[in-house]
Amino acid sequence: MSHPASFSSRRPRPWGTMGAGIAAVAACAVCFAGPLLALLGNIGAASALASFWVLALAVVVGAAAVGAYVLHRRRRAAACDPTTGPVDLGLPAVGMARDGRVR
């Protein structure tokens, strides 16, 4: 008498489980492909925009350096100019009064 094959007596088929896993991975890849590509595209666009800003930043830094150098030269020249004369500090004068007494 032959016994019909029952569900538990059959050999397991690993390809069925692996196929389901591959299908799940493919579905996941299809689902997340759009957002991942959008993220990578935005990163690329931001880096392209930043490359132009780096050039602009270099120009601004160069202009600031030239301006600082010019201001430094002008202030140094004004500090060394002896033609300005004496500077009144607003302190009381020490010396003789007109009547000959010491103040």
N, C-alpha and C. Protein backbone atom coordinates (compact mmCIF):
# COMPACT_ATOMS: atom_id res chain seq x y z
N MET A 1 0.83 -1.15 0.00
CA MET A 1 0.00 0.00 0.00
C MET A 1 0.89 1.23 0.00
N SER A 2 0.61 2.11 -0.85
CA SER A 2 1.44 3.33 -0.90
C SER A 2 0.77 4.43 -0.10
N HIS A 3 1.61 5.12 0.55
CA HIS A 3 1.11 6.23 1.35
C HIS A 3 1.22 7.52 0.54
N PRO A 4 0.17 8.30 0.52
CA PRO A 4 0.29 9.57 -0.19
C PRO A 4 1.27 10.49 0.54
N ALA A 5 1.98 11.26 -0.21
CA ALA A 5 2.96 12.17 0.39
C ALA A 5 2.22 13.27 1.14
N SER A 6 2.56 13.40 2.37
CA SER A 6 1.96 14.46 3.17
C SER A 6 2.83 15.71 3.09
N PHE A 7 2.30 16.80 3.58
CA PHE A 7 3.01 18.07 3.52
C PHE A 7 4.32 18.01 4.29
N SER A 8 4.34 17.30 5.43
CA SER A 8 5.53 17.27 6.25
C SER A 8 6.58 16.29 5.73
N SER A 9 6.19 15.36 4.87
CA SER A 9 7.15 14.37 4.40
C SER A 9 7.87 14.82 3.13
N ARG A 10 7.44 15.95 2.54
CA ARG A 10 8.11 16.42 1.33
C ARG A 10 9.42 17.09 1.69
N ARG A 11 10.32 17.05 0.77
CA ARG A 11 11.59 17.73 0.97
C ARG A 11 11.41 19.24 0.88
N PRO A 12 12.02 19.99 1.77
CA PRO A 12 11.87 21.45 1.68
C PRO A 12 12.58 21.98 0.44
N ARG A 13 12.02 22.97 -0.15
CA ARG A 13 12.60 23.56 -1.35
C ARG A 13 13.17 24.94 -0.98
N PRO A 14 14.49 25.03 -0.87
CA PRO A 14 15.08 26.30 -0.47
C PRO A 14 14.90 27.40 -1.50
N TRP A 15 14.68 27.03 -2.75
CA TRP A 15 14.55 28.05 -3.78
C TRP A 15 13.26 28.85 -3.62
N GLY A 16 12.26 28.25 -3.04
CA GLY A 16 11.02 28.98 -2.82
C GLY A 16 11.21 30.09 -1.80
N THR A 17 11.91 29.80 -0.72
CA THR A 17 12.19 30.82 0.30
C THR A 17 13.15 31.87 -0.23
N MET A 18 14.15 31.40 -0.97
CA MET A 18 15.11 32.34 -1.53
C MET A 18 14.45 33.22 -2.58
N GLY A 19 13.54 32.65 -3.35
CA GLY A 19 12.81 33.44 -4.35
C GLY A 19 11.98 34.52 -3.70
N ALA A 20 11.35 34.18 -2.57
CA ALA A 20 10.56 35.18 -1.86
C ALA A 20 11.47 36.28 -1.32
N GLY A 21 12.65 35.90 -0.83
CA GLY A 21 13.61 36.90 -0.34
C GLY A 21 14.09 37.81 -1.45
N ILE A 22 14.38 37.24 -2.62
CA ILE A 22 14.83 38.04 -3.77
C ILE A 22 13.72 38.99 -4.21
N ALA A 23 12.49 38.49 -4.21
CA ALA A 23 11.36 39.34 -4.58
C ALA A 23 11.20 40.49 -3.58
N ALA A 24 11.40 40.21 -2.29
CA ALA A 24 11.30 41.26 -1.28
C ALA A 24 12.39 42.31 -1.46
N VAL A 25 13.60 41.85 -1.77
CA VAL A 25 14.71 42.79 -1.99
C VAL A 25 14.43 43.64 -3.23
N ALA A 26 13.93 43.03 -4.27
CA ALA A 26 13.62 43.78 -5.50
C ALA A 26 12.51 44.79 -5.25
N ALA A 27 11.49 44.40 -4.51
CA ALA A 27 10.40 45.34 -4.20
C ALA A 27 10.91 46.50 -3.35
N CYS A 28 11.78 46.19 -2.42
CA CYS A 28 12.36 47.24 -1.57
C CYS A 28 13.21 48.19 -2.42
N ALA A 29 13.99 47.65 -3.33
CA ALA A 29 14.84 48.49 -4.18
C ALA A 29 13.99 49.39 -5.07
N VAL A 30 12.89 48.84 -5.60
CA VAL A 30 12.02 49.65 -6.45
C VAL A 30 11.34 50.73 -5.61
N CYS A 31 10.96 50.40 -4.41
CA CYS A 31 10.25 51.36 -3.55
C CYS A 31 11.17 52.50 -3.12
N PHE A 32 12.40 52.19 -2.78
CA PHE A 32 13.31 53.21 -2.26
C PHE A 32 14.20 53.84 -3.32
N ALA A 33 14.11 53.41 -4.56
CA ALA A 33 14.97 53.95 -5.60
C ALA A 33 14.69 55.43 -5.84
N GLY A 34 13.42 55.80 -5.90
CA GLY A 34 13.06 57.20 -6.16
C GLY A 34 13.59 58.15 -5.10
N PRO A 35 13.28 57.90 -3.83
CA PRO A 35 13.80 58.81 -2.81
C PRO A 35 15.33 58.84 -2.74
N LEU A 36 15.97 57.69 -2.94
CA LEU A 36 17.44 57.68 -2.92
C LEU A 36 18.02 58.47 -4.07
N LEU A 37 17.45 58.32 -5.26
CA LEU A 37 17.93 59.09 -6.41
C LEU A 37 17.67 60.58 -6.22
N ALA A 38 16.52 60.91 -5.61
CA ALA A 38 16.23 62.32 -5.34
C ALA A 38 17.24 62.90 -4.34
N LEU A 39 17.57 62.13 -3.33
CA LEU A 39 18.56 62.58 -2.34
C LEU A 39 19.92 62.79 -3.00
N LEU A 40 20.34 61.82 -3.80
CA LEU A 40 21.63 61.95 -4.47
C LEU A 40 21.62 63.12 -5.46
N GLY A 41 20.50 63.33 -6.14
CA GLY A 41 20.39 64.46 -7.06
C GLY A 41 20.47 65.79 -6.34
N ASN A 42 19.82 65.87 -5.17
CA ASN A 42 19.88 67.11 -4.40
C ASN A 42 21.27 67.35 -3.86
N ILE A 43 21.96 66.31 -3.45
CA ILE A 43 23.34 66.46 -2.99
C ILE A 43 24.22 66.95 -4.14
N GLY A 44 24.01 66.40 -5.32
CA GLY A 44 24.78 66.83 -6.48
C GLY A 44 24.49 68.28 -6.86
N ALA A 45 23.21 68.66 -6.80
CA ALA A 45 22.85 70.05 -7.13
C ALA A 45 23.42 71.01 -6.09
N ALA A 46 23.38 70.61 -4.84
CA ALA A 46 23.93 71.47 -3.78
C ALA A 46 25.43 71.62 -3.95
N SER A 47 26.11 70.56 -4.31
CA SER A 47 27.57 70.66 -4.48
C SER A 47 27.91 71.50 -5.71
N ALA A 48 27.10 71.41 -6.76
CA ALA A 48 27.34 72.25 -7.94
C ALA A 48 27.13 73.72 -7.61
N LEU A 49 26.08 74.01 -6.85
CA LEU A 49 25.83 75.39 -6.43
C LEU A 49 26.94 75.88 -5.50
N ALA A 50 27.39 75.01 -4.62
CA ALA A 50 28.44 75.39 -3.68
C ALA A 50 29.76 75.67 -4.40
N SER A 51 29.99 75.00 -5.52
CA SER A 51 31.25 75.25 -6.23
C SER A 51 31.30 76.69 -6.75
N PHE A 52 30.15 77.25 -7.13
CA PHE A 52 30.13 78.64 -7.55
C PHE A 52 30.28 79.57 -6.35
N TRP A 53 29.71 79.19 -5.21
CA TRP A 53 29.82 80.03 -4.02
C TRP A 53 31.24 80.04 -3.48
N VAL A 54 31.99 78.97 -3.68
CA VAL A 54 33.38 78.95 -3.23
C VAL A 54 34.18 79.98 -4.00
N LEU A 55 33.92 80.09 -5.30
CA LEU A 55 34.60 81.10 -6.10
C LEU A 55 34.22 82.50 -5.64
N ALA A 56 32.94 82.72 -5.37
CA ALA A 56 32.50 84.03 -4.90
C ALA A 56 33.11 84.33 -3.53
N LEU A 57 33.18 83.33 -2.68
CA LEU A 57 33.78 83.51 -1.36
C LEU A 57 35.27 83.87 -1.49
N ALA A 58 35.96 83.26 -2.43
CA ALA A 58 37.37 83.57 -2.64
C ALA A 58 37.53 85.03 -3.08
N VAL A 59 36.63 85.51 -3.92
CA VAL A 59 36.69 86.91 -4.36
C VAL A 59 36.44 87.85 -3.18
N VAL A 60 35.46 87.52 -2.35
CA VAL A 60 35.16 88.36 -1.18
C VAL A 60 36.33 88.37 -0.20
N VAL A 61 36.94 87.23 0.02
CA VAL A 61 38.09 87.16 0.93
C VAL A 61 39.26 87.97 0.37
N GLY A 62 39.48 87.88 -0.92
CA GLY A 62 40.55 88.66 -1.54
C GLY A 62 40.31 90.16 -1.43
N ALA A 63 39.06 90.58 -1.66
CA ALA A 63 38.72 92.00 -1.54
C ALA A 63 38.88 92.47 -0.10
N ALA A 64 38.48 91.65 0.86
CA ALA A 64 38.64 92.01 2.27
C ALA A 64 40.12 92.12 2.64
N ALA A 65 40.94 91.23 2.13
CA ALA A 65 42.37 91.29 2.42
C ALA A 65 43.00 92.55 1.84
N VAL A 66 42.63 92.91 0.62
CA VAL A 66 43.17 94.13 0.01
C VAL A 66 42.69 95.36 0.79
N GLY A 67 41.41 95.36 1.18
CA GLY A 67 40.89 96.49 1.96
C GLY A 67 41.57 96.62 3.31
N ALA A 68 41.82 95.51 3.98
CA ALA A 68 42.52 95.56 5.27
C ALA A 68 43.94 96.07 5.10
N TYR A 69 44.60 95.67 4.03
CA TYR A 69 45.97 96.14 3.77
C TYR A 69 45.99 97.64 3.51
N VAL A 70 45.03 98.13 2.73
CA VAL A 70 44.98 99.56 2.42
C VAL A 70 44.70 100.36 3.69
N LEU A 71 43.74 99.91 4.51
CA LEU A 71 43.45 100.60 5.77
C LEU A 71 44.65 100.59 6.71
N HIS A 72 45.35 99.49 6.76
CA HIS A 72 46.54 99.40 7.61
C HIS A 72 47.60 100.40 7.16
N ARG A 73 47.81 100.50 5.86
CA ARG A 73 48.82 101.44 5.34
C ARG A 73 48.42 102.88 5.63
N ARG A 74 47.13 103.21 5.47
CA ARG A 74 46.69 104.59 5.72
C ARG A 74 46.82 104.94 7.20
N ARG A 75 46.41 104.06 8.07
CA ARG A 75 46.49 104.34 9.50
C ARG A 75 47.95 104.44 9.96
N ARG A 76 48.79 103.60 9.40
CA ARG A 76 50.20 103.65 9.77
C ARG A 76 50.83 104.96 9.31
N ALA A 77 50.47 105.39 8.10
CA ALA A 77 51.00 106.65 7.59
C ALA A 77 50.50 107.82 8.43
N ALA A 78 49.24 107.79 8.85
CA ALA A 78 48.70 108.87 9.67
C ALA A 78 49.32 108.86 11.06
N ALA A 79 49.65 107.70 11.59
CA ALA A 79 50.26 107.62 12.92
C ALA A 79 51.69 108.14 12.91
N CYS A 80 52.38 108.02 11.81
CA CYS A 80 53.78 108.46 11.72
C CYS A 80 53.91 109.88 11.20
N ASP A 81 52.80 110.57 10.91
CA ASP A 81 52.86 111.91 10.37
C ASP A 81 53.17 112.92 11.48
N PRO A 82 54.33 113.57 11.43
CA PRO A 82 54.70 114.51 12.51
C PRO A 82 54.08 115.89 12.34
N THR A 83 53.35 116.17 11.31
CA THR A 83 52.83 117.52 11.06
C THR A 83 51.54 117.79 11.82
N THR A 84 51.05 116.86 12.60
CA THR A 84 49.80 117.09 13.31
C THR A 84 49.96 118.05 14.47
N GLY A 85 51.14 118.18 15.03
CA GLY A 85 51.38 119.12 16.10
C GLY A 85 51.09 118.52 17.47
N PRO A 86 51.20 119.37 18.49
CA PRO A 86 50.96 118.85 19.84
C PRO A 86 49.48 118.54 20.05
N VAL A 87 49.26 117.60 20.93
CA VAL A 87 47.90 117.16 21.23
C VAL A 87 47.57 117.60 22.65
N ASP A 88 46.45 118.30 22.81
CA ASP A 88 46.02 118.75 24.12
C ASP A 88 45.35 117.59 24.84
N LEU A 89 45.89 117.19 25.97
CA LEU A 89 45.34 116.08 26.72
C LEU A 89 44.29 116.51 27.72
N GLY A 90 44.08 117.79 27.90
CA GLY A 90 43.08 118.28 28.81
C GLY A 90 43.50 118.22 30.27
N LEU A 91 44.78 118.09 30.53
CA LEU A 91 45.28 118.06 31.90
C LEU A 91 45.63 119.46 32.35
N PRO A 92 45.58 119.73 33.65
CA PRO A 92 45.98 121.07 34.13
C PRO A 92 47.48 121.29 33.90
N ALA A 93 47.82 122.50 33.59
CA ALA A 93 49.21 122.83 33.31
C ALA A 93 49.97 122.98 34.62
N VAL A 94 51.19 122.53 34.64
CA VAL A 94 52.05 122.67 35.81
C VAL A 94 53.12 123.69 35.45
N GLY A 95 53.31 124.63 36.27
CA GLY A 95 54.32 125.64 35.99
C GLY A 95 54.04 126.90 36.79
N MET A 96 54.63 127.99 36.36
CA MET A 96 54.52 129.27 37.06
C MET A 96 53.29 130.02 36.56
N ALA A 97 52.63 130.64 37.47
CA ALA A 97 51.52 131.51 37.10
C ALA A 97 52.09 132.85 36.65
N ARG A 98 51.29 133.75 36.16
CA ARG A 98 51.78 135.01 35.66
C ARG A 98 52.34 135.90 36.77
N ASP A 99 51.85 135.67 37.97
CA ASP A 99 52.36 136.48 39.07
C ASP A 99 53.59 135.90 39.73
N GLY A 100 54.12 134.76 39.18
CA GLY A 100 55.35 134.18 39.69
C GLY A 100 55.16 133.10 40.73
N ARG A 101 53.96 132.82 41.09
CA ARG A 101 53.75 131.74 42.06
C ARG A 101 53.58 130.41 41.34
N VAL A 102 53.90 129.32 42.03
CA VAL A 102 53.75 127.98 41.46
C VAL A 102 52.30 127.58 41.57
N ARG A 103 51.76 127.11 40.55
CA ARG A 103 50.37 126.68 40.58
C ARG A 103 50.22 125.31 41.14
